[in-house]
Amino acid sequence: MSISSLCKRVVVTIHRDATIENAALFMRSSHIGDVVVVDAADTRRPIGIITDRDIAVEVVAQGLVPAQTTVGSIMSTPVVSLREEDGFLEALDKMSAGGVRRAPVLDRDGHLKGMVSVDDLVPLLARELAKIGALIRHEQAAEMRKTENSFSDEFAS
């Protein structure tokens, strides 16, 4: 399964010169924990990312003024990104290697097409693990039936 089918297609972007206050307001009104930072020259190509945690740790905890601090001054860069054709496991590997919980999804030209987060991937992983659990239970039940049948055959003789 490609990451393209799992990502959210609506992505909130913000310009690098916007304030942290604006970024926080976008996050709150959109009920999200991150915004992708873009440059005015190409608003479809991510140049950074900022998360709610970045705001807490890099702005609030440092005593900076959100209305006077730019997104570009604290954004994470380079961006750990995924390609639309990346598979589920490849996406997990890239995100884990980069130490990120969220990653923009890009097309072949490097343009923003979506966003995926660990929160999007966990339900799929849980479903796949449930299938493995069902397979194990099925095999155990089949083995128990065989064992019961062989004991019945022994005592019938």
N, C-alpha and C. Protein backbone atom coordinates (compact mmCIF):
# COMPACT_ATOMS: atom_id res chain seq x y z
N MET A 1 0.85 -1.17 0.00
CA MET A 1 0.00 0.00 0.00
C MET A 1 0.90 1.24 0.00
N SER A 2 0.64 2.14 -0.93
CA SER A 2 1.47 3.35 -1.00
C SER A 2 0.99 4.38 0.01
N ILE A 3 1.93 5.21 0.41
CA ILE A 3 1.63 6.25 1.41
C ILE A 3 0.63 7.25 0.84
N SER A 4 0.57 7.34 -0.47
CA SER A 4 -0.37 8.26 -1.13
C SER A 4 -1.80 7.98 -0.71
N SER A 5 -2.14 6.71 -0.52
CA SER A 5 -3.51 6.35 -0.15
C SER A 5 -3.79 6.58 1.34
N LEU A 6 -2.76 6.83 2.12
CA LEU A 6 -2.93 7.01 3.56
C LEU A 6 -2.83 8.46 4.02
N CYS A 7 -2.26 9.30 3.18
CA CYS A 7 -2.01 10.68 3.64
C CYS A 7 -3.26 11.54 3.58
N LYS A 8 -3.22 12.58 4.40
CA LYS A 8 -4.29 13.58 4.36
C LYS A 8 -3.93 14.57 3.26
N ARG A 9 -4.88 14.88 2.41
CA ARG A 9 -4.62 15.73 1.25
C ARG A 9 -4.71 17.23 1.57
N VAL A 10 -5.40 17.56 2.62
CA VAL A 10 -5.51 18.98 2.99
C VAL A 10 -4.35 19.28 3.95
N VAL A 11 -3.45 20.15 3.49
CA VAL A 11 -2.28 20.50 4.28
C VAL A 11 -2.26 22.01 4.48
N VAL A 12 -2.09 22.42 5.72
CA VAL A 12 -2.01 23.85 6.02
C VAL A 12 -0.55 24.27 5.83
N THR A 13 -0.36 25.31 5.03
CA THR A 13 0.97 25.85 4.80
C THR A 13 1.04 27.28 5.32
N ILE A 14 2.26 27.71 5.56
CA ILE A 14 2.48 29.07 6.05
C ILE A 14 3.80 29.57 5.47
N HIS A 15 3.87 30.84 5.24
CA HIS A 15 5.08 31.45 4.70
C HIS A 15 6.12 31.59 5.81
N ARG A 16 7.37 31.50 5.46
CA ARG A 16 8.46 31.57 6.45
C ARG A 16 8.50 32.90 7.20
N ASP A 17 7.97 33.98 6.60
CA ASP A 17 7.99 35.29 7.26
C ASP A 17 6.79 35.53 8.17
N ALA A 18 5.85 34.58 8.22
CA ALA A 18 4.69 34.72 9.10
C ALA A 18 5.15 34.59 10.55
N THR A 19 4.32 35.07 11.45
CA THR A 19 4.68 34.99 12.87
C THR A 19 4.25 33.66 13.48
N ILE A 20 4.88 33.35 14.56
CA ILE A 20 4.52 32.15 15.33
C ILE A 20 3.08 32.26 15.81
N GLU A 21 2.65 33.47 16.16
CA GLU A 21 1.26 33.68 16.57
C GLU A 21 0.31 33.24 15.46
N ASN A 22 0.62 33.63 14.21
CA ASN A 22 -0.22 33.21 13.08
C ASN A 22 -0.22 31.70 12.91
N ALA A 23 0.95 31.08 13.04
CA ALA A 23 1.06 29.63 12.91
C ALA A 23 0.20 28.94 13.97
N ALA A 24 0.27 29.43 15.20
CA ALA A 24 -0.52 28.84 16.29
C ALA A 24 -2.02 28.99 16.03
N LEU A 25 -2.42 30.15 15.51
CA LEU A 25 -3.83 30.36 15.19
C LEU A 25 -4.29 29.42 14.07
N PHE A 26 -3.46 29.21 13.05
CA PHE A 26 -3.78 28.25 11.98
C PHE A 26 -3.95 26.85 12.57
N MET A 27 -3.02 26.46 13.45
CA MET A 27 -3.09 25.12 14.05
C MET A 27 -4.37 24.96 14.85
N ARG A 28 -4.70 25.96 15.63
CA ARG A 28 -5.90 25.87 16.46
C ARG A 28 -7.16 25.80 15.61
N SER A 29 -7.28 26.68 14.62
CA SER A 29 -8.50 26.72 13.82
C SER A 29 -8.64 25.48 12.92
N SER A 30 -7.51 24.85 12.59
CA SER A 30 -7.54 23.67 11.72
C SER A 30 -7.48 22.37 12.52
N HIS A 31 -7.32 22.47 13.83
CA HIS A 31 -7.24 21.29 14.71
C HIS A 31 -6.10 20.36 14.29
N ILE A 32 -4.92 20.96 14.08
CA ILE A 32 -3.75 20.20 13.66
C ILE A 32 -2.57 20.55 14.56
N GLY A 33 -1.52 19.76 14.47
CA GLY A 33 -0.34 19.98 15.31
C GLY A 33 0.88 20.44 14.55
N ASP A 34 0.71 20.77 13.26
CA ASP A 34 1.86 21.21 12.48
C ASP A 34 1.41 22.02 11.28
N VAL A 35 2.32 22.83 10.77
CA VAL A 35 2.11 23.51 9.50
C VAL A 35 3.38 23.37 8.68
N VAL A 36 3.20 23.25 7.38
CA VAL A 36 4.34 23.15 6.47
C VAL A 36 4.73 24.56 6.06
N VAL A 37 6.01 24.83 6.13
CA VAL A 37 6.53 26.15 5.79
C VAL A 37 6.93 26.16 4.32
N VAL A 38 6.48 27.21 3.62
CA VAL A 38 6.79 27.37 2.20
C VAL A 38 7.40 28.75 1.97
N ASP A 39 7.99 28.89 0.81
CA ASP A 39 8.58 30.16 0.41
C ASP A 39 7.64 30.82 -0.59
N ALA A 40 7.65 32.11 -0.66
CA ALA A 40 6.77 32.84 -1.58
C ALA A 40 7.03 32.45 -3.03
N ALA A 41 8.27 32.12 -3.36
CA ALA A 41 8.62 31.80 -4.74
C ALA A 41 7.95 30.51 -5.22
N ASP A 42 7.74 29.56 -4.32
CA ASP A 42 7.14 28.27 -4.70
C ASP A 42 6.35 27.73 -3.52
N THR A 43 5.07 28.01 -3.50
CA THR A 43 4.24 27.62 -2.36
C THR A 43 3.87 26.14 -2.35
N ARG A 44 4.32 25.39 -3.34
CA ARG A 44 4.03 23.96 -3.37
C ARG A 44 5.24 23.13 -2.95
N ARG A 45 6.36 23.77 -2.63
CA ARG A 45 7.59 23.06 -2.27
C ARG A 45 7.94 23.37 -0.81
N PRO A 46 7.83 22.37 0.08
CA PRO A 46 8.12 22.61 1.50
C PRO A 46 9.59 22.97 1.73
N ILE A 47 9.82 23.96 2.59
CA ILE A 47 11.18 24.32 2.97
C ILE A 47 11.42 24.09 4.46
N GLY A 48 10.35 23.79 5.19
CA GLY A 48 10.46 23.55 6.62
C GLY A 48 9.14 23.09 7.18
N ILE A 49 9.14 22.83 8.45
CA ILE A 49 7.91 22.43 9.14
C ILE A 49 8.00 22.99 10.56
N ILE A 50 6.85 23.31 11.11
CA ILE A 50 6.79 23.78 12.49
C ILE A 50 5.65 23.04 13.19
N THR A 51 5.91 22.59 14.40
CA THR A 51 4.93 21.83 15.16
C THR A 51 4.51 22.60 16.41
N ASP A 52 3.44 22.13 17.00
CA ASP A 52 2.99 22.74 18.25
C ASP A 52 4.07 22.60 19.33
N ARG A 53 4.80 21.51 19.29
CA ARG A 53 5.89 21.31 20.25
C ARG A 53 7.01 22.32 20.01
N ASP A 54 7.31 22.60 18.75
CA ASP A 54 8.32 23.62 18.44
C ASP A 54 7.94 24.96 19.07
N ILE A 55 6.67 25.29 18.97
CA ILE A 55 6.20 26.56 19.54
C ILE A 55 6.40 26.57 21.06
N ALA A 56 6.04 25.46 21.70
CA ALA A 56 6.17 25.38 23.15
C ALA A 56 7.64 25.43 23.59
N VAL A 57 8.48 24.66 22.94
CA VAL A 57 9.87 24.52 23.38
C VAL A 57 10.77 25.65 22.89
N GLU A 58 10.60 26.06 21.66
CA GLU A 58 11.51 27.04 21.06
C GLU A 58 11.06 28.49 21.23
N VAL A 59 9.77 28.70 21.47
CA VAL A 59 9.28 30.07 21.60
C VAL A 59 8.86 30.36 23.03
N VAL A 60 7.83 29.68 23.49
CA VAL A 60 7.28 29.96 24.82
C VAL A 60 8.32 29.70 25.91
N ALA A 61 8.96 28.55 25.90
CA ALA A 61 9.92 28.21 26.95
C ALA A 61 11.16 29.10 26.92
N GLN A 62 11.44 29.70 25.77
CA GLN A 62 12.59 30.59 25.64
C GLN A 62 12.23 32.05 25.94
N GLY A 63 10.97 32.29 26.21
CA GLY A 63 10.53 33.64 26.53
C GLY A 63 10.44 34.56 25.32
N LEU A 64 10.35 33.97 24.12
CA LEU A 64 10.22 34.79 22.91
C LEU A 64 8.77 35.25 22.76
N VAL A 65 8.57 36.32 22.04
CA VAL A 65 7.23 36.87 21.82
C VAL A 65 6.67 36.28 20.52
N PRO A 66 5.61 35.46 20.59
CA PRO A 66 5.07 34.81 19.39
C PRO A 66 4.68 35.79 18.28
N ALA A 67 4.21 36.97 18.64
CA ALA A 67 3.80 37.95 17.63
C ALA A 67 5.00 38.61 16.95
N GLN A 68 6.19 38.41 17.51
CA GLN A 68 7.39 39.03 16.95
C GLN A 68 8.41 38.01 16.44
N THR A 69 8.10 36.74 16.57
CA THR A 69 9.02 35.68 16.16
C THR A 69 8.52 35.08 14.85
N THR A 70 9.40 34.95 13.88
CA THR A 70 8.97 34.40 12.59
C THR A 70 9.04 32.88 12.58
N VAL A 71 8.20 32.32 11.76
CA VAL A 71 8.17 30.88 11.57
C VAL A 71 9.53 30.39 11.06
N GLY A 72 10.11 31.14 10.13
CA GLY A 72 11.40 30.76 9.56
C GLY A 72 12.53 30.68 10.57
N SER A 73 12.40 31.40 11.66
CA SER A 73 13.49 31.41 12.66
C SER A 73 13.51 30.15 13.52
N ILE A 74 12.42 29.40 13.56
CA ILE A 74 12.41 28.18 14.39
C ILE A 74 12.02 26.92 13.62
N MET A 75 11.70 27.05 12.33
CA MET A 75 11.23 25.88 11.58
C MET A 75 12.31 24.81 11.53
N SER A 76 11.86 23.56 11.46
CA SER A 76 12.77 22.44 11.30
C SER A 76 13.09 22.29 9.82
N THR A 77 14.35 22.19 9.53
CA THR A 77 14.81 22.02 8.16
C THR A 77 16.13 21.27 8.19
N PRO A 78 16.45 20.42 7.27
CA PRO A 78 15.64 20.05 6.13
C PRO A 78 14.44 19.22 6.56
N VAL A 79 13.45 19.18 5.70
CA VAL A 79 12.21 18.47 5.98
C VAL A 79 12.37 16.99 5.65
N VAL A 80 12.01 16.14 6.62
CA VAL A 80 11.95 14.71 6.34
C VAL A 80 10.64 14.51 5.58
N SER A 81 10.75 14.13 4.32
CA SER A 81 9.54 14.00 3.49
C SER A 81 9.44 12.60 2.92
N LEU A 82 8.25 12.30 2.47
CA LEU A 82 7.95 11.01 1.86
C LEU A 82 7.53 11.25 0.41
N ARG A 83 7.66 10.24 -0.39
CA ARG A 83 7.18 10.29 -1.78
C ARG A 83 5.85 9.55 -1.86
N GLU A 84 5.00 9.99 -2.74
CA GLU A 84 3.68 9.37 -2.87
C GLU A 84 3.77 7.87 -3.08
N GLU A 85 4.79 7.42 -3.78
CA GLU A 85 4.91 6.00 -4.09
C GLU A 85 5.58 5.18 -2.98
N ASP A 86 6.07 5.84 -1.92
CA ASP A 86 6.66 5.11 -0.80
C ASP A 86 5.64 4.16 -0.20
N GLY A 87 6.10 2.99 0.18
CA GLY A 87 5.23 2.04 0.86
C GLY A 87 5.13 2.36 2.34
N PHE A 88 4.21 1.69 2.99
CA PHE A 88 3.96 1.88 4.42
C PHE A 88 5.23 1.69 5.25
N LEU A 89 5.94 0.59 5.03
CA LEU A 89 7.14 0.31 5.82
C LEU A 89 8.26 1.28 5.49
N GLU A 90 8.39 1.65 4.23
CA GLU A 90 9.40 2.63 3.84
C GLU A 90 9.13 3.97 4.53
N ALA A 91 7.88 4.35 4.59
CA ALA A 91 7.51 5.60 5.27
C ALA A 91 7.87 5.53 6.75
N LEU A 92 7.55 4.42 7.38
CA LEU A 92 7.90 4.25 8.80
C LEU A 92 9.41 4.33 9.00
N ASP A 93 10.15 3.69 8.10
CA ASP A 93 11.62 3.72 8.19
C ASP A 93 12.15 5.14 8.08
N LYS A 94 11.66 5.90 7.10
CA LYS A 94 12.13 7.27 6.90
C LYS A 94 11.78 8.15 8.10
N MET A 95 10.56 8.01 8.59
CA MET A 95 10.13 8.82 9.73
C MET A 95 10.93 8.46 10.98
N SER A 96 11.15 7.18 11.19
CA SER A 96 11.92 6.74 12.35
C SER A 96 13.37 7.22 12.26
N ALA A 97 13.98 7.07 11.10
CA ALA A 97 15.36 7.51 10.91
C ALA A 97 15.49 9.02 11.12
N GLY A 98 14.48 9.77 10.72
CA GLY A 98 14.51 11.22 10.88
C GLY A 98 14.01 11.69 12.23
N GLY A 99 13.47 10.77 13.03
CA GLY A 99 12.96 11.13 14.35
C GLY A 99 11.76 12.06 14.30
N VAL A 100 10.89 11.85 13.30
CA VAL A 100 9.72 12.73 13.16
C VAL A 100 8.44 11.93 13.25
N ARG A 101 7.41 12.58 13.76
CA ARG A 101 6.07 11.98 13.86
C ARG A 101 5.19 12.37 12.68
N ARG A 102 5.61 13.39 11.93
CA ARG A 102 4.81 13.90 10.81
C ARG A 102 5.74 14.14 9.63
N ALA A 103 5.22 13.88 8.43
CA ALA A 103 6.05 14.12 7.25
C ALA A 103 5.18 14.53 6.06
N PRO A 104 5.62 15.55 5.33
CA PRO A 104 4.90 15.92 4.11
C PRO A 104 5.09 14.84 3.05
N VAL A 105 4.08 14.67 2.23
CA VAL A 105 4.13 13.71 1.12
C VAL A 105 4.27 14.53 -0.16
N LEU A 106 5.28 14.18 -0.96
CA LEU A 106 5.60 14.93 -2.16
C LEU A 106 5.40 14.08 -3.41
N ASP A 107 5.10 14.76 -4.53
CA ASP A 107 5.02 14.05 -5.80
C ASP A 107 6.44 13.94 -6.38
N ARG A 108 6.55 13.39 -7.56
CA ARG A 108 7.86 13.18 -8.19
C ARG A 108 8.63 14.47 -8.42
N ASP A 109 7.91 15.59 -8.52
CA ASP A 109 8.55 16.89 -8.76
C ASP A 109 8.88 17.62 -7.46
N GLY A 110 8.60 16.98 -6.31
CA GLY A 110 8.90 17.61 -5.03
C GLY A 110 7.83 18.57 -4.55
N HIS A 111 6.64 18.50 -5.16
CA HIS A 111 5.54 19.38 -4.76
C HIS A 111 4.69 18.70 -3.69
N LEU A 112 4.21 19.50 -2.78
CA LEU A 112 3.41 19.04 -1.65
C LEU A 112 2.09 18.44 -2.13
N LYS A 113 1.82 17.22 -1.71
CA LYS A 113 0.58 16.53 -2.08
C LYS A 113 -0.23 16.09 -0.87
N GLY A 114 0.39 16.06 0.30
CA GLY A 114 -0.34 15.62 1.48
C GLY A 114 0.56 15.61 2.70
N MET A 115 0.01 15.09 3.78
CA MET A 115 0.75 14.99 5.04
C MET A 115 0.37 13.67 5.69
N VAL A 116 1.35 13.02 6.27
CA VAL A 116 1.07 11.79 6.99
C VAL A 116 1.70 11.91 8.37
N SER A 117 1.01 11.34 9.35
CA SER A 117 1.55 11.36 10.72
C SER A 117 1.50 9.94 11.26
N VAL A 118 2.24 9.75 12.32
CA VAL A 118 2.23 8.45 12.99
C VAL A 118 0.80 8.11 13.38
N ASP A 119 0.03 9.12 13.76
CA ASP A 119 -1.37 8.90 14.13
C ASP A 119 -2.17 8.31 12.97
N ASP A 120 -1.78 8.61 11.73
CA ASP A 120 -2.46 8.04 10.57
C ASP A 120 -2.02 6.59 10.33
N LEU A 121 -0.79 6.27 10.70
CA LEU A 121 -0.23 4.95 10.41
C LEU A 121 -0.55 3.91 11.47
N VAL A 122 -0.72 4.33 12.71
CA VAL A 122 -0.97 3.38 13.80
C VAL A 122 -2.23 2.54 13.58
N PRO A 123 -3.38 3.12 13.16
CA PRO A 123 -4.56 2.27 12.94
C PRO A 123 -4.33 1.18 11.88
N LEU A 124 -3.60 1.51 10.82
CA LEU A 124 -3.30 0.51 9.80
C LEU A 124 -2.41 -0.58 10.38
N LEU A 125 -1.40 -0.19 11.10
CA LEU A 125 -0.51 -1.16 11.73
C LEU A 125 -1.29 -2.05 12.70
N ALA A 126 -2.20 -1.47 13.46
CA ALA A 126 -3.02 -2.25 14.40
C ALA A 126 -3.87 -3.27 13.66
N ARG A 127 -4.46 -2.88 12.53
CA ARG A 127 -5.26 -3.82 11.74
C ARG A 127 -4.41 -4.97 11.23
N GLU A 128 -3.21 -4.66 10.76
CA GLU A 128 -2.32 -5.70 10.25
C GLU A 128 -1.88 -6.64 11.36
N LEU A 129 -1.58 -6.10 12.54
CA LEU A 129 -1.21 -6.94 13.67
C LEU A 129 -2.39 -7.81 14.12
N ALA A 130 -3.60 -7.27 14.05
CA ALA A 130 -4.78 -8.06 14.40
C ALA A 130 -4.93 -9.25 13.45
N LYS A 131 -4.61 -9.06 12.18
CA LYS A 131 -4.67 -10.17 11.21
C LYS A 131 -3.66 -11.26 11.58
N ILE A 132 -2.47 -10.84 12.01
CA ILE A 132 -1.46 -11.81 12.42
C ILE A 132 -1.94 -12.56 13.66
N GLY A 133 -2.54 -11.83 14.60
CA GLY A 133 -3.09 -12.47 15.80
C GLY A 133 -4.17 -13.48 15.45
N ALA A 134 -5.03 -13.14 14.51
CA ALA A 134 -6.10 -14.07 14.09
C ALA A 134 -5.50 -15.31 13.43
N LEU A 135 -4.45 -15.12 12.64
CA LEU A 135 -3.78 -16.25 12.00
C LEU A 135 -3.19 -17.19 13.04
N ILE A 136 -2.55 -16.62 14.04
CA ILE A 136 -1.96 -17.44 15.11
C ILE A 136 -3.04 -18.22 15.84
N ARG A 137 -4.14 -17.55 16.19
CA ARG A 137 -5.24 -18.25 16.88
C ARG A 137 -5.83 -19.36 16.00
N HIS A 138 -5.95 -19.10 14.71
CA HIS A 138 -6.48 -20.10 13.77
C HIS A 138 -5.57 -21.32 13.73
N GLU A 139 -4.26 -21.09 13.64
CA GLU A 139 -3.31 -22.21 13.61
C GLU A 139 -3.34 -22.99 14.91
N GLN A 140 -3.44 -22.31 16.03
CA GLN A 140 -3.50 -22.99 17.32
C GLN A 140 -4.76 -23.85 17.43
N ALA A 141 -5.88 -23.31 16.97
CA ALA A 141 -7.14 -24.07 17.02
C ALA A 141 -7.05 -25.29 16.12
N ALA A 142 -6.47 -25.12 14.92
CA ALA A 142 -6.33 -26.25 14.00
C ALA A 142 -5.44 -27.33 14.62
N GLU A 143 -4.36 -26.91 15.26
CA GLU A 143 -3.45 -27.87 15.90
C GLU A 143 -4.16 -28.61 17.04
N MET A 144 -4.98 -27.87 17.81
CA MET A 144 -5.70 -28.51 18.91
C MET A 144 -6.71 -29.53 18.39
N ARG A 145 -7.38 -29.22 17.27
CA ARG A 145 -8.33 -30.17 16.68
C ARG A 145 -7.62 -31.43 16.21
N LYS A 146 -6.45 -31.26 15.60
CA LYS A 146 -5.68 -32.43 15.15
C LYS A 146 -5.27 -33.29 16.34
N THR A 147 -4.82 -32.65 17.41
CA THR A 147 -4.39 -33.37 18.60
C THR A 147 -5.57 -34.11 19.21
N GLU A 148 -6.73 -33.46 19.30
CA GLU A 148 -7.93 -34.10 19.85
C GLU A 148 -8.35 -35.28 18.99
N ASN A 149 -8.28 -35.14 17.67
CA ASN A 149 -8.65 -36.23 16.76
C ASN A 149 -7.69 -37.40 16.90
N SER A 150 -6.39 -37.15 17.06
CA SER A 150 -5.43 -38.25 17.17
C SER A 150 -5.62 -38.99 18.50
N PHE A 151 -5.95 -38.27 19.59
CA PHE A 151 -6.24 -38.92 20.87
C PHE A 151 -7.51 -39.76 20.76
N SER A 152 -8.51 -39.27 20.07
CA SER A 152 -9.74 -40.02 19.89
C SER A 152 -9.48 -41.28 19.10
N ASP A 153 -8.64 -41.18 18.07
CA ASP A 153 -8.30 -42.35 17.24
C ASP A 153 -7.55 -43.38 18.06
N GLU A 154 -6.63 -42.95 18.94
CA GLU A 154 -5.86 -43.87 19.76
C GLU A 154 -6.76 -44.66 20.71
N PHE A 155 -7.71 -43.97 21.34
CA PHE A 155 -8.57 -44.62 22.31
C PHE A 155 -9.64 -45.48 21.64
N ALA A 156 -9.94 -45.19 20.36
CA ALA A 156 -10.94 -45.97 19.63
C ALA A 156 -10.36 -47.30 19.20
N SER A 157 -9.05 -47.43 19.14
CA SER A 157 -8.42 -48.65 18.64
C SER A 157 -8.37 -49.73 19.65
